[in-house]
Every structure is written in structure tokens, then in C-alpha cells.
């Protein structure tokens, strides 16, 4: 089992989840159980799957959970675009969040390659 807290990708994914929580706190109350909750769950799923994969005993299992994290990252990306189009996230915040999404995506891709090559 790896110490997931030492993984740069986990640290960055954790920061993304915190940023999503901050952004969704300003959503309208009508979205309390809608898009806000979906975005939060998907964003938390990213670092959570990294943790679960790092806790597994094989590289194959770790890579599988990293792939799941990438799927959740895709959900976050789309849901942020939707939130922007609905007027819940302004251009500046969307730009920052999308930069975070891209960074986490690149890091996940590189880690998956590394894990699969071991």
C-alpha cells in the first residue's frame, strides 16, 4: 500500500475537490440537491479513487481505480461547463477550475502509464 498523500496527483485532486465545494456553495438553493451535489460527489470521487487504488495490492488494480478517477474527472468537466452555461459559475472561476481539471487529467494519464509499465 502506497501513502496516497505523497502522490502529487492526489494532492491536486484534493485541491480540485475543495475548489468545487467552494464554487458550488454559491449555487442557487434550488440546486442544493441537484447539480451542486452531483459536482461535489464527482469531484470527491477523483481523490477517493486514487486513495482506493493506492490501497490495493496490485498495479493492475491501482490502474483500474485511476481510470475510474479519470471518468469522474470527465463528469466534473462537463458539469462545470453546464454550471457555467446556467450562470452559476462565472468565466474567471470556470477558467481556473478547468485549468485544475486539465492538470489533474494530465497527472492521472501519466500515472496510469507509469503504473501499467511496472
PDB file of N, CA and C in Angstrom:
ATOM      1  N   UNK A   1       0.836  -1.188   0.000  1.00  0.00           N
ATOM      2  CA  UNK A   1       0.000   0.000   0.000  1.00  0.00           C
ATOM      3  C   UNK A   1       0.881   1.254   0.000  1.00  0.00           C
ATOM      4  N   UNK A   2       0.578   2.150  -0.925  1.00  0.00           N
ATOM      5  CA  UNK A   2       1.308   3.417  -1.023  1.00  0.00           C
ATOM      6  C   UNK A   2       0.679   4.455  -0.109  1.00  0.00           C
ATOM      7  N   UNK A   3       1.467   5.423   0.297  1.00  0.00           N
ATOM      8  CA  UNK A   3       0.918   6.559   1.029  1.00  0.00           C
ATOM      9  C   UNK A   3       0.381   7.544  -0.004  1.00  0.00           C
ATOM     10  N   UNK A   4      -0.924   7.512  -0.213  1.00  0.00           N
ATOM     11  CA  UNK A   4      -1.560   8.327  -1.246  1.00  0.00           C
ATOM     12  C   UNK A   4      -1.302   9.820  -1.041  1.00  0.00           C
ATOM     13  N   UNK A   5      -1.102  10.248   0.207  1.00  0.00           N
ATOM     14  CA  UNK A   5      -0.888  11.673   0.484  1.00  0.00           C
ATOM     15  C   UNK A   5       0.403  12.204  -0.123  1.00  0.00           C
ATOM     16  N   UNK A   6       1.292  11.296  -0.475  1.00  0.00           N
ATOM     17  CA  UNK A   6       2.554  11.708  -1.093  1.00  0.00           C
ATOM     18  C   UNK A   6       2.440  11.816  -2.609  1.00  0.00           C
ATOM     19  N   UNK A   7       1.323  11.383  -3.167  1.00  0.00           N
ATOM     20  CA  UNK A   7       1.121  11.448  -4.612  1.00  0.00           C
ATOM     21  C   UNK A   7       0.696  12.865  -5.006  1.00  0.00           C
ATOM     22  N   UNK A   8       1.452  13.473  -5.905  1.00  0.00           N
ATOM     23  CA  UNK A   8       1.112  14.824  -6.368  1.00  0.00           C
ATOM     24  C   UNK A   8      -0.287  14.873  -6.971  1.00  0.00           C
ATOM     25  N   UNK A   9      -0.664  13.832  -7.682  1.00  0.00           N
ATOM     26  CA  UNK A   9      -1.986  13.820  -8.306  1.00  0.00           C
ATOM     27  C   UNK A   9      -3.093  13.798  -7.258  1.00  0.00           C
ATOM     28  N   UNK A  10      -2.876  13.082  -6.164  1.00  0.00           N
ATOM     29  CA  UNK A  10      -3.890  13.091  -5.108  1.00  0.00           C
ATOM     30  C   UNK A  10      -3.992  14.486  -4.496  1.00  0.00           C
ATOM     31  N   UNK A  11      -2.863  15.112  -4.243  1.00  0.00           N
ATOM     32  CA  UNK A  11      -2.877  16.461  -3.661  1.00  0.00           C
ATOM     33  C   UNK A  11      -3.615  17.436  -4.565  1.00  0.00           C
ATOM     34  N   UNK A  12      -3.358  17.359  -5.858  1.00  0.00           N
ATOM     35  CA  UNK A  12      -4.008  18.270  -6.809  1.00  0.00           C
ATOM     36  C   UNK A  12      -5.494  17.954  -6.931  1.00  0.00           C
ATOM     37  N   UNK A  13      -5.857  16.678  -6.925  1.00  0.00           N
ATOM     38  CA  UNK A  13      -7.263  16.280  -6.998  1.00  0.00           C
ATOM     39  C   UNK A  13      -8.009  16.708  -5.735  1.00  0.00           C
ATOM     40  N   UNK A  14      -7.340  16.620  -4.607  1.00  0.00           N
ATOM     41  CA  UNK A  14      -7.938  17.076  -3.337  1.00  0.00           C
ATOM     42  C   UNK A  14      -8.212  18.578  -3.412  1.00  0.00           C
ATOM     43  N   UNK A  15      -7.256  19.335  -3.934  1.00  0.00           N
ATOM     44  CA  UNK A  15      -7.447  20.784  -4.081  1.00  0.00           C
ATOM     45  C   UNK A  15      -8.594  21.091  -5.045  1.00  0.00           C
ATOM     46  N   UNK A  16      -8.728  20.289  -6.098  1.00  0.00           N
ATOM     47  CA  UNK A  16      -9.839  20.472  -7.032  1.00  0.00           C
ATOM     48  C   UNK A  16     -11.166  20.238  -6.321  1.00  0.00           C
ATOM     49  N   UNK A  17     -11.251  19.203  -5.510  1.00  0.00           N
ATOM     50  CA  UNK A  17     -12.491  18.933  -4.769  1.00  0.00           C
ATOM     51  C   UNK A  17     -12.826  20.100  -3.841  1.00  0.00           C
ATOM     52  N   UNK A  18     -11.828  20.644  -3.170  1.00  0.00           N
ATOM     53  CA  UNK A  18     -12.059  21.794  -2.298  1.00  0.00           C
ATOM     54  C   UNK A  18     -12.555  22.999  -3.102  1.00  0.00           C
ATOM     55  N   UNK A  19     -11.972  23.207  -4.281  1.00  0.00           N
ATOM     56  CA  UNK A  19     -12.383  24.326  -5.134  1.00  0.00           C
ATOM     57  C   UNK A  19     -13.808  24.137  -5.646  1.00  0.00           C
ATOM     58  N   UNK A  20     -14.177  22.908  -5.961  1.00  0.00           N
ATOM     59  CA  UNK A  20     -15.547  22.632  -6.397  1.00  0.00           C
ATOM     60  C   UNK A  20     -16.527  22.899  -5.258  1.00  0.00           C
ATOM     61  N   UNK A  21     -16.176  22.491  -4.054  1.00  0.00           N
ATOM     62  CA  UNK A  21     -17.043  22.781  -2.896  1.00  0.00           C
ATOM     63  C   UNK A  21     -17.217  24.286  -2.731  1.00  0.00           C
ATOM     64  N   UNK A  22     -16.139  25.033  -2.886  1.00  0.00           N
ATOM     65  CA  UNK A  22     -16.225  26.489  -2.758  1.00  0.00           C
ATOM     66  C   UNK A  22     -17.119  27.078  -3.845  1.00  0.00           C
ATOM     67  N   UNK A  23     -16.948  26.604  -5.071  1.00  0.00           N
ATOM     68  CA  UNK A  23     -17.745  27.130  -6.184  1.00  0.00           C
ATOM     69  C   UNK A  23     -19.222  26.793  -6.031  1.00  0.00           C
ATOM     70  N   UNK A  24     -19.516  25.586  -5.597  1.00  0.00           N
ATOM     71  CA  UNK A  24     -20.921  25.172  -5.504  1.00  0.00           C
ATOM     72  C   UNK A  24     -21.631  25.788  -4.301  1.00  0.00           C
ATOM     73  N   UNK A  25     -20.874  26.309  -3.359  1.00  0.00           N
ATOM     74  CA  UNK A  25     -21.521  26.946  -2.204  1.00  0.00           C
ATOM     75  C   UNK A  25     -22.298  28.186  -2.611  1.00  0.00           C
ATOM     76  N   UNK A  26     -21.980  28.747  -3.777  1.00  0.00           N
ATOM     77  CA  UNK A  26     -22.675  29.940  -4.272  1.00  0.00           C
ATOM     78  C   UNK A  26     -23.815  29.600  -5.235  1.00  0.00           C
ATOM     79  N   UNK A  27     -24.049  28.317  -5.493  1.00  0.00           N
ATOM     80  CA  UNK A  27     -25.139  27.928  -6.389  1.00  0.00           C
ATOM     81  C   UNK A  27     -26.478  28.284  -5.754  1.00  0.00           C
ATOM     82  N   UNK A  28     -27.501  28.477  -6.562  1.00  0.00           N
ATOM     83  CA  UNK A  28     -28.834  28.768  -6.012  1.00  0.00           C
ATOM     84  C   UNK A  28     -29.324  27.628  -5.122  1.00  0.00           C
ATOM     85  N   UNK A  29     -30.141  27.952  -4.159  1.00  0.00           N
ATOM     86  CA  UNK A  29     -30.649  26.932  -3.231  1.00  0.00           C
ATOM     87  C   UNK A  29     -31.445  25.856  -3.955  1.00  0.00           C
ATOM     88  N   UNK A  30     -32.012  26.176  -5.098  1.00  0.00           N
ATOM     89  CA  UNK A  30     -32.759  25.179  -5.870  1.00  0.00           C
ATOM     90  C   UNK A  30     -31.838  24.059  -6.368  1.00  0.00           C
ATOM     91  N   UNK A  31     -30.561  24.316  -6.433  1.00  0.00           N
ATOM     92  CA  UNK A  31     -29.591  23.318  -6.886  1.00  0.00           C
ATOM     93  C   UNK A  31     -28.962  22.539  -5.732  1.00  0.00           C
ATOM     94  N   UNK A  32     -29.437  22.767  -4.540  1.00  0.00           N
ATOM     95  CA  UNK A  32     -28.844  22.116  -3.360  1.00  0.00           C
ATOM     96  C   UNK A  32     -28.772  20.598  -3.499  1.00  0.00           C
ATOM     97  N   UNK A  33     -29.803  20.009  -4.081  1.00  0.00           N
ATOM     98  CA  UNK A  33     -29.823  18.550  -4.235  1.00  0.00           C
ATOM     99  C   UNK A  33     -29.695  18.134  -5.701  1.00  0.00           C
ATOM    100  N   UNK A  34     -29.331  19.075  -6.557  1.00  0.00           N
ATOM    101  CA  UNK A  34     -29.199  18.788  -7.981  1.00  0.00           C
ATOM    102  C   UNK A  34     -27.758  18.835  -8.425  1.00  0.00           C
ATOM    103  N   UNK A  35     -27.470  19.769  -9.308  1.00  0.00           N
ATOM    104  CA  UNK A  35     -26.150  19.875  -9.907  1.00  0.00           C
ATOM    105  C   UNK A  35     -25.052  20.080  -8.868  1.00  0.00           C
ATOM    106  N   UNK A  36     -25.341  20.838  -7.839  1.00  0.00           N
ATOM    107  CA  UNK A  36     -24.348  21.076  -6.781  1.00  0.00           C
ATOM    108  C   UNK A  36     -23.889  19.755  -6.167  1.00  0.00           C
ATOM    109  N   UNK A  37     -24.838  18.885  -5.819  1.00  0.00           N
ATOM    110  CA  UNK A  37     -24.489  17.603  -5.209  1.00  0.00           C
ATOM    111  C   UNK A  37     -23.763  16.697  -6.194  1.00  0.00           C
ATOM    112  N   UNK A  38     -24.194  16.702  -7.457  1.00  0.00           N
ATOM    113  CA  UNK A  38     -23.529  15.862  -8.461  1.00  0.00           C
ATOM    114  C   UNK A  38     -22.075  16.285  -8.647  1.00  0.00           C
ATOM    115  N   UNK A  39     -21.855  17.584  -8.729  1.00  0.00           N
ATOM    116  CA  UNK A  39     -20.493  18.097  -8.893  1.00  0.00           C
ATOM    117  C   UNK A  39     -19.625  17.749  -7.691  1.00  0.00           C
ATOM    118  N   UNK A  40     -20.178  17.916  -6.521  1.00  0.00           N
ATOM    119  CA  UNK A  40     -19.415  17.592  -5.312  1.00  0.00           C
ATOM    120  C   UNK A  40     -19.066  16.118  -5.261  1.00  0.00           C
ATOM    121  N   UNK A  41     -20.039  15.264  -5.533  1.00  0.00           N
ATOM    122  CA  UNK A  41     -19.782  13.821  -5.491  1.00  0.00           C
ATOM    123  C   UNK A  41     -18.732  13.409  -6.510  1.00  0.00           C
ATOM    124  N   UNK A  42     -18.860  13.935  -7.734  1.00  0.00           N
ATOM    125  CA  UNK A  42     -17.896  13.576  -8.782  1.00  0.00           C
ATOM    126  C   UNK A  42     -16.498  14.073  -8.424  1.00  0.00           C
ATOM    127  N   UNK A  43     -16.412  15.284  -7.869  1.00  0.00           N
ATOM    128  CA  UNK A  43     -15.089  15.825  -7.527  1.00  0.00           C
ATOM    129  C   UNK A  43     -14.446  15.045  -6.381  1.00  0.00           C
ATOM    130  N   UNK A  44     -15.233  14.610  -5.437  1.00  0.00           N
ATOM    131  CA  UNK A  44     -14.710  13.820  -4.319  1.00  0.00           C
ATOM    132  C   UNK A  44     -14.322  12.418  -4.781  1.00  0.00           C
ATOM    133  N   UNK A  45     -15.003  11.936  -5.801  1.00  0.00           N
ATOM    134  CA  UNK A  45     -14.705  10.611  -6.328  1.00  0.00           C
ATOM    135  C   UNK A  45     -13.295  10.516  -6.903  1.00  0.00           C
ATOM    136  N   UNK A  46     -12.777  11.618  -7.411  1.00  0.00           N
ATOM    137  CA  UNK A  46     -11.445  11.595  -8.030  1.00  0.00           C
ATOM    138  C   UNK A  46     -10.365  11.245  -6.999  1.00  0.00           C
ATOM    139  N   UNK A  47     -10.181  12.047  -5.948  1.00  0.00           N
ATOM    140  CA  UNK A  47      -9.151  11.672  -4.974  1.00  0.00           C
ATOM    141  C   UNK A  47      -9.504  10.387  -4.222  1.00  0.00           C
ATOM    142  N   UNK A  48     -10.787  10.122  -4.041  1.00  0.00           N
ATOM    143  CA  UNK A  48     -11.195   8.896  -3.338  1.00  0.00           C
ATOM    144  C   UNK A  48     -10.762   7.654  -4.104  1.00  0.00           C
ATOM    145  N   UNK A  49     -10.899   7.671  -5.425  1.00  0.00           N
ATOM    146  CA  UNK A  49     -10.480   6.524  -6.221  1.00  0.00           C
ATOM    147  C   UNK A  49      -8.970   6.395  -6.274  1.00  0.00           C
ATOM    148  N   UNK A  50      -8.277   7.509  -6.223  1.00  0.00           N
ATOM    149  CA  UNK A  50      -6.811   7.446  -6.139  1.00  0.00           C
ATOM    150  C   UNK A  50      -6.414   6.755  -4.833  1.00  0.00           C
ATOM    151  N   UNK A  51      -7.070   7.133  -3.749  1.00  0.00           N
ATOM    152  CA  UNK A  51      -6.797   6.515  -2.444  1.00  0.00           C
ATOM    153  C   UNK A  51      -7.106   5.024  -2.476  1.00  0.00           C
ATOM    154  N   UNK A  52      -8.268   4.678  -3.012  1.00  0.00           N
ATOM    155  CA  UNK A  52      -8.638   3.267  -3.040  1.00  0.00           C
ATOM    156  C   UNK A  52      -7.665   2.461  -3.889  1.00  0.00           C
ATOM    157  N   UNK A  53      -7.283   2.999  -5.041  1.00  0.00           N
ATOM    158  CA  UNK A  53      -6.329   2.298  -5.892  1.00  0.00           C
ATOM    159  C   UNK A  53      -4.970   2.130  -5.234  1.00  0.00           C
ATOM    160  N   UNK A  54      -4.521   3.182  -4.564  1.00  0.00           N
ATOM    161  CA  UNK A  54      -3.217   3.122  -3.887  1.00  0.00           C
ATOM    162  C   UNK A  54      -3.237   2.111  -2.748  1.00  0.00           C
ATOM    163  N   UNK A  55      -4.421   1.805  -2.253  1.00  0.00           N
ATOM    164  CA  UNK A  55      -4.564   0.860  -1.147  1.00  0.00           C
ATOM    165  C   UNK A  55      -4.634  -0.586  -1.621  1.00  0.00           C
ATOM    166  N   UNK A  56      -4.727  -0.786  -2.911  1.00  0.00           N
ATOM    167  CA  UNK A  56      -4.811  -2.137  -3.470  1.00  0.00           C
ATOM    168  C   UNK A  56      -3.433  -2.771  -3.568  1.00  0.00           C
ATOM    169  N   UNK A  57      -3.425  -4.077  -3.713  1.00  0.00           N
ATOM    170  CA  UNK A  57      -2.152  -4.791  -3.663  1.00  0.00           C
ATOM    171  C   UNK A  57      -1.479  -4.964  -5.018  1.00  0.00           C
ATOM    172  N   UNK A  58      -2.185  -4.681  -6.125  1.00  0.00           N
ATOM    173  CA  UNK A  58      -1.561  -4.872  -7.429  1.00  0.00           C
ATOM    174  C   UNK A  58      -1.584  -3.582  -8.251  1.00  0.00           C
ATOM    175  N   UNK A  59      -0.624  -3.483  -9.137  1.00  0.00           N
ATOM    176  CA  UNK A  59      -0.565  -2.338 -10.049  1.00  0.00           C
ATOM    177  C   UNK A  59      -1.784  -2.316 -10.965  1.00  0.00           C
ATOM    178  N   UNK A  60      -2.234  -3.491 -11.362  1.00  0.00           N
ATOM    179  CA  UNK A  60      -3.411  -3.577 -12.238  1.00  0.00           C
ATOM    180  C   UNK A  60      -4.638  -2.968 -11.555  1.00  0.00           C
ATOM    181  N   UNK A  61      -4.844  -3.296 -10.286  1.00  0.00           N
ATOM    182  CA  UNK A  61      -5.962  -2.719  -9.539  1.00  0.00           C
ATOM    183  C   UNK A  61      -5.807  -1.206  -9.397  1.00  0.00           C
ATOM    184  N   UNK A  62      -4.584  -0.769  -9.112  1.00  0.00           N
ATOM    185  CA  UNK A  62      -4.327   0.659  -8.965  1.00  0.00           C
ATOM    186  C   UNK A  62      -4.687   1.386 -10.264  1.00  0.00           C
ATOM    187  N   UNK A  63      -4.238   0.852 -11.401  1.00  0.00           N
ATOM    188  CA  UNK A  63      -4.529   1.472 -12.697  1.00  0.00           C
ATOM    189  C   UNK A  63      -6.028   1.515 -12.959  1.00  0.00           C
ATOM    190  N   UNK A  64      -6.747   0.475 -12.566  1.00  0.00           N
ATOM    191  CA  UNK A  64      -8.204   0.440 -12.770  1.00  0.00           C
ATOM    192  C   UNK A  64      -8.876   1.569 -11.991  1.00  0.00           C
ATOM    193  N   UNK A  65      -8.469   1.786 -10.764  1.00  0.00           N
ATOM    194  CA  UNK A  65      -9.064   2.867  -9.972  1.00  0.00           C
ATOM    195  C   UNK A  65      -8.646   4.242 -10.485  1.00  0.00           C
ATOM    196  N   UNK A  66      -7.463   4.347 -11.042  1.00  0.00           N
ATOM    197  CA  UNK A  66      -7.061   5.607 -11.666  1.00  0.00           C
ATOM    198  C   UNK A  66      -7.922   5.892 -12.893  1.00  0.00           C
ATOM    199  N   UNK A  67      -8.274   4.850 -13.635  1.00  0.00           N
ATOM    200  CA  UNK A  67      -9.182   5.019 -14.770  1.00  0.00           C
ATOM    201  C   UNK A  67     -10.559   5.492 -14.306  1.00  0.00           C
ATOM    202  N   UNK A  68     -11.029   4.962 -13.204  1.00  0.00           N
ATOM    203  CA  UNK A  68     -12.310   5.397 -12.650  1.00  0.00           C
ATOM    204  C   UNK A  68     -12.224   6.868 -12.243  1.00  0.00           C
ATOM    205  N   UNK A  69     -11.101   7.254 -11.656  1.00  0.00           N
ATOM    206  CA  UNK A  69     -10.895   8.660 -11.284  1.00  0.00           C
ATOM    207  C   UNK A  69     -10.946   9.549 -12.526  1.00  0.00           C
ATOM    208  N   UNK A  70     -10.374   9.083 -13.633  1.00  0.00           N
ATOM    209  CA  UNK A  70     -10.428   9.861 -14.873  1.00  0.00           C
ATOM    210  C   UNK A  70     -11.854  10.013 -15.367  1.00  0.00           C
ATOM    211  N   UNK A  71     -12.668   8.973 -15.198  1.00  0.00           N
ATOM    212  CA  UNK A  71     -14.078   9.069 -15.576  1.00  0.00           C
ATOM    213  C   UNK A  71     -14.802  10.119 -14.745  1.00  0.00           C
ATOM    214  N   UNK A  72     -14.532  10.138 -13.467  1.00  0.00           N
ATOM    215  CA  UNK A  72     -15.139  11.146 -12.591  1.00  0.00           C
ATOM    216  C   UNK A  72     -14.658  12.541 -12.960  1.00  0.00           C
ATOM    217  N   UNK A  73     -13.411  12.650 -13.362  1.00  0.00           N
ATOM    218  CA  UNK A  73     -12.878  13.941 -13.799  1.00  0.00           C
ATOM    219  C   UNK A  73     -13.634  14.446 -15.030  1.00  0.00           C
ATOM    220  N   UNK A  74     -13.960  13.541 -15.935  1.00  0.00           N
ATOM    221  CA  UNK A  74     -14.752  13.913 -17.101  1.00  0.00           C
ATOM    222  C   UNK A  74     -16.128  14.425 -16.705  1.00  0.00           C
ATOM    223  N   UNK A  75     -16.734  13.775 -15.714  1.00  0.00           N
ATOM    224  CA  UNK A  75     -18.024  14.246 -15.205  1.00  0.00           C
ATOM    225  C   UNK A  75     -17.902  15.665 -14.655  1.00  0.00           C
ATOM    226  N   UNK A  76     -16.875  15.900 -13.878  1.00  0.00           N
ATOM    227  CA  UNK A  76     -16.663  17.231 -13.301  1.00  0.00           C
ATOM    228  C   UNK A  76     -16.501  18.263 -14.412  1.00  0.00           C
ATOM    229  N   UNK A  77     -15.723  17.930 -15.420  1.00  0.00           N
ATOM    230  CA  UNK A  77     -15.513  18.874 -16.514  1.00  0.00           C
ATOM    231  C   UNK A  77     -16.846  19.262 -17.161  1.00  0.00           C
ATOM    232  N   UNK A  78     -17.648  18.270 -17.512  1.00  0.00           N
ATOM    233  CA  UNK A  78     -18.936  18.583 -18.138  1.00  0.00           C
ATOM    234  C   UNK A  78     -19.847  19.370 -17.195  1.00  0.00           C
ATOM    235  N   UNK A  79     -19.927  18.940 -15.955  1.00  0.00           N
ATOM    236  CA  UNK A  79     -20.840  19.591 -15.014  1.00  0.00           C
ATOM    237  C   UNK A  79     -20.426  21.032 -14.742  1.00  0.00           C
ATOM    238  N   UNK A  80     -19.135  21.308 -14.777  1.00  0.00           N
ATOM    239  CA  UNK A  80     -18.683  22.697 -14.646  1.00  0.00           C
ATOM    240  C   UNK A  80     -19.111  23.526 -15.856  1.00  0.00           C
ATOM    241  N   UNK A  81     -19.005  22.946 -17.042  1.00  0.00           N
ATOM    242  CA  UNK A  81     -19.475  23.650 -18.244  1.00  0.00           C
ATOM    243  C   UNK A  81     -20.971  23.935 -18.152  1.00  0.00           C
ATOM    244  N   UNK A  82     -21.730  22.954 -17.696  1.00  0.00           N
ATOM    245  CA  UNK A  82     -23.168  23.131 -17.532  1.00  0.00           C
ATOM    246  C   UNK A  82     -23.461  24.227 -16.510  1.00  0.00           C
ATOM    247  N   UNK A  83     -22.758  24.194 -15.392  1.00  0.00           N
ATOM    248  CA  UNK A  83     -22.948  25.215 -14.356  1.00  0.00           C
ATOM    249  C   UNK A  83     -22.635  26.599 -14.906  1.00  0.00           C
ATOM    250  N   UNK A  84     -21.607  26.695 -15.713  1.00  0.00           N
ATOM    251  CA  UNK A  84     -21.259  27.975 -16.342  1.00  0.00           C
ATOM    252  C   UNK A  84     -22.382  28.429 -17.273  1.00  0.00           C
ATOM    253  N   UNK A  85     -22.858  27.515 -18.117  1.00  0.00           N
ATOM    254  CA  UNK A  85     -23.911  27.864 -19.068  1.00  0.00           C
ATOM    255  C   UNK A  85     -25.218  28.237 -18.371  1.00  0.00           C
ATOM    256  N   UNK A  86     -25.421  27.711 -17.179  1.00  0.00           N
ATOM    257  CA  UNK A  86     -26.610  28.065 -16.394  1.00  0.00           C
ATOM    258  C   UNK A  86     -26.412  29.358 -15.605  1.00  0.00           C
ATOM    259  N   UNK A  87     -25.203  29.893 -15.643  1.00  0.00           N
ATOM    260  CA  UNK A  87     -24.919  31.146 -14.961  1.00  0.00           C
ATOM    261  C   UNK A  87     -24.529  30.992 -13.503  1.00  0.00           C
ATOM    262  N   UNK A  88     -24.177  29.785 -13.087  1.00  0.00           N
ATOM    263  CA  UNK A  88     -23.797  29.533 -11.689  1.00  0.00           C
ATOM    264  C   UNK A  88     -22.309  29.741 -11.436  1.00  0.00           C
ATOM    265  N   UNK A  89     -21.511  29.663 -12.491  1.00  0.00           N
ATOM    266  CA  UNK A  89     -20.059  29.822 -12.390  1.00  0.00           C
ATOM    267  C   UNK A  89     -19.642  30.882 -13.408  1.00  0.00           C
ATOM    268  N   UNK A  90     -18.920  31.890 -12.952  1.00  0.00           N
ATOM    269  CA  UNK A  90     -18.507  32.947 -13.881  1.00  0.00           C
ATOM    270  C   UNK A  90     -17.291  32.506 -14.703  1.00  0.00           C
ATOM    271  N   UNK A  91     -16.971  33.302 -15.712  1.00  0.00           N
ATOM    272  CA  UNK A  91     -15.884  32.959 -16.636  1.00  0.00           C
ATOM    273  C   UNK A  91     -14.554  32.761 -15.928  1.00  0.00           C
ATOM    274  N   UNK A  92     -14.236  33.646 -15.018  1.00  0.00           N
ATOM    275  CA  UNK A  92     -12.944  33.580 -14.331  1.00  0.00           C
ATOM    276  C   UNK A  92     -12.818  32.308 -13.493  1.00  0.00           C
ATOM    277  N   UNK A  93     -13.862  31.999 -12.745  1.00  0.00           N
ATOM    278  CA  UNK A  93     -13.815  30.791 -11.906  1.00  0.00           C
ATOM    279  C   UNK A  93     -13.773  29.548 -12.787  1.00  0.00           C
ATOM    280  N   UNK A  94     -14.546  29.550 -13.869  1.00  0.00           N
ATOM    281  CA  UNK A  94     -14.536  28.398 -14.776  1.00  0.00           C
ATOM    282  C   UNK A  94     -13.143  28.182 -15.345  1.00  0.00           C
ATOM    283  N   UNK A  95     -12.489  29.248 -15.754  1.00  0.00           N
ATOM    284  CA  UNK A  95     -11.139  29.133 -16.306  1.00  0.00           C
ATOM    285  C   UNK A  95     -10.195  28.485 -15.293  1.00  0.00           C
ATOM    286  N   UNK A  96     -10.228  28.947 -14.062  1.00  0.00           N
ATOM    287  CA  UNK A  96      -9.369  28.371 -13.024  1.00  0.00           C
ATOM    288  C   UNK A  96      -9.681  26.905 -12.763  1.00  0.00           C
ATOM    289  N   UNK A  97     -10.952  26.582 -12.682  1.00  0.00           N
ATOM    290  CA  UNK A  97     -11.345  25.192 -12.424  1.00  0.00           C
ATOM    291  C   UNK A  97     -10.964  24.284 -13.594  1.00  0.00           C
ATOM    292  N   UNK A  98     -11.125  24.783 -14.814  1.00  0.00           N
ATOM    293  CA  UNK A  98     -10.772  23.975 -15.981  1.00  0.00           C
ATOM    294  C   UNK A  98      -9.253  23.773 -16.076  1.00  0.00           C
ATOM    295  N   UNK A  99      -8.492  24.749 -15.630  1.00  0.00           N
ATOM    296  CA  UNK A  99      -7.041  24.558 -15.568  1.00  0.00           C
ATOM    297  C   UNK A  99      -6.695  23.455 -14.575  1.00  0.00           C
ATOM    298  N   UNK A 100      -7.406  23.432 -13.455  1.00  0.00           N
ATOM    299  CA  UNK A 100      -7.205  22.369 -12.465  1.00  0.00           C
ATOM    300  C   UNK A 100      -7.596  21.012 -13.035  1.00  0.00           C
ATOM    301  N   UNK A 101      -8.735  20.973 -13.735  1.00  0.00           N
ATOM    302  CA  UNK A 101      -9.197  19.725 -14.355  1.00  0.00           C
ATOM    303  C   UNK A 101      -8.147  19.212 -15.342  1.00  0.00           C
ATOM    304  N   UNK A 102      -7.633  20.099 -16.182  1.00  0.00           N
ATOM    305  CA  UNK A 102      -6.621  19.694 -17.164  1.00  0.00           C
ATOM    306  C   UNK A 102      -5.351  19.191 -16.483  1.00  0.00           C
ATOM    307  N   UNK A 103      -4.947  19.856 -15.429  1.00  0.00           N
ATOM    308  CA  UNK A 103      -3.737  19.438 -14.711  1.00  0.00           C
ATOM    309  C   UNK A 103      -3.922  18.055 -14.087  1.00  0.00           C
ATOM    310  N   UNK A 104      -5.046  17.850 -13.425  1.00  0.00           N
ATOM    311  CA  UNK A 104      -5.312  16.548 -12.811  1.00  0.00           C
ATOM    312  C   UNK A 104      -5.407  15.475 -13.896  1.00  0.00           C
ATOM    313  N   UNK A 105      -6.042  15.795 -15.007  1.00  0.00           N
ATOM    314  CA  UNK A 105      -6.156  14.836 -16.104  1.00  0.00           C
ATOM    315  C   UNK A 105      -4.798  14.402 -16.635  1.00  0.00           C
ATOM    316  N   UNK A 106      -3.916  15.353 -16.840  1.00  0.00           N
ATOM    317  CA  UNK A 106      -2.576  15.022 -17.309  1.00  0.00           C
ATOM    318  C   UNK A 106      -1.806  14.182 -16.305  1.00  0.00           C
ATOM    319  N   UNK A 107      -1.953  14.533 -15.046  1.00  0.00           N
ATOM    320  CA  UNK A 107      -1.258  13.787 -13.999  1.00  0.00           C
ATOM    321  C   UNK A 107      -1.787  12.356 -13.899  1.00  0.00           C
ATOM    322  N   UNK A 108      -3.109  12.197 -14.006  1.00  0.00           N
ATOM    323  CA  UNK A 108      -3.699  10.853 -13.968  1.00  0.00           C
ATOM    324  C   UNK A 108      -3.224  10.019 -15.152  1.00  0.00           C
ATOM    325  N   UNK A 109      -3.218  10.617 -16.329  1.00  0.00           N
ATOM    326  CA  UNK A 109      -2.769   9.900 -17.521  1.00  0.00           C
ATOM    327  C   UNK A 109      -1.328   9.435 -17.358  1.00  0.00           C
ATOM    328  N   UNK A 110      -0.467  10.310 -16.873  1.00  0.00           N
ATOM    329  CA  UNK A 110       0.940   9.945 -16.680  1.00  0.00           C
ATOM    330  C   UNK A 110       1.101   8.861 -15.625  1.00  0.00           C
ATOM    331  N   UNK A 111       0.332   8.954 -14.552  1.00  0.00           N
ATOM    332  CA  UNK A 111       0.439   7.934 -13.504  1.00  0.00           C
ATOM    333  C   UNK A 111      -0.078   6.590 -13.991  1.00  0.00           C
ATOM    334  N   UNK A 112      -1.164   6.588 -14.748  1.00  0.00           N
ATOM    335  CA  UNK A 112      -1.677   5.330 -15.296  1.00  0.00           C
ATOM    336  C   UNK A 112      -0.614   4.682 -16.177  1.00  0.00           C
ATOM    337  N   UNK A 113       0.014   5.458 -17.038  1.00  0.00           N
ATOM    338  CA  UNK A 113       1.081   4.917 -17.901  1.00  0.00           C
ATOM    339  C   UNK A 113       2.201   4.326 -17.069  1.00  0.00           C
ATOM    340  N   UNK A 114       2.603   5.048 -16.050  1.00  0.00           N
ATOM    341  CA  UNK A 114       3.694   4.586 -15.182  1.00  0.00           C
ATOM    342  C   UNK A 114       3.315   3.299 -14.455  1.00  0.00           C
ATOM    343  N   UNK A 115       2.116   3.255 -13.922  1.00  0.00           N
ATOM    344  CA  UNK A 115       1.677   2.074 -13.171  1.00  0.00           C
ATOM    345  C   UNK A 115       1.559   0.862 -14.093  1.00  0.00           C
ATOM    346  N   UNK A 116       1.060   1.079 -15.290  1.00  0.00           N
ATOM    347  CA  UNK A 116       0.890  -0.037 -16.224  1.00  0.00           C
ATOM    348  C   UNK A 116       2.219  -0.545 -16.751  1.00  0.00           C
ATOM    349  N   UNK A 117       3.247   0.285 -16.709  1.00  0.00           N
ATOM    350  CA  UNK A 117       4.566  -0.133 -17.199  1.00  0.00           C
ATOM    351  C   UNK A 117       5.428  -0.779 -16.125  1.00  0.00           C
ATOM    352  N   UNK A 118       4.883  -0.968 -14.932  1.00  0.00           N
ATOM    353  CA  UNK A 118       5.679  -1.591 -13.865  1.00  0.00           C
ATOM    354  C   UNK A 118       5.367  -3.053 -13.726  1.00  0.00           C
TER     355      UNK A 118
END
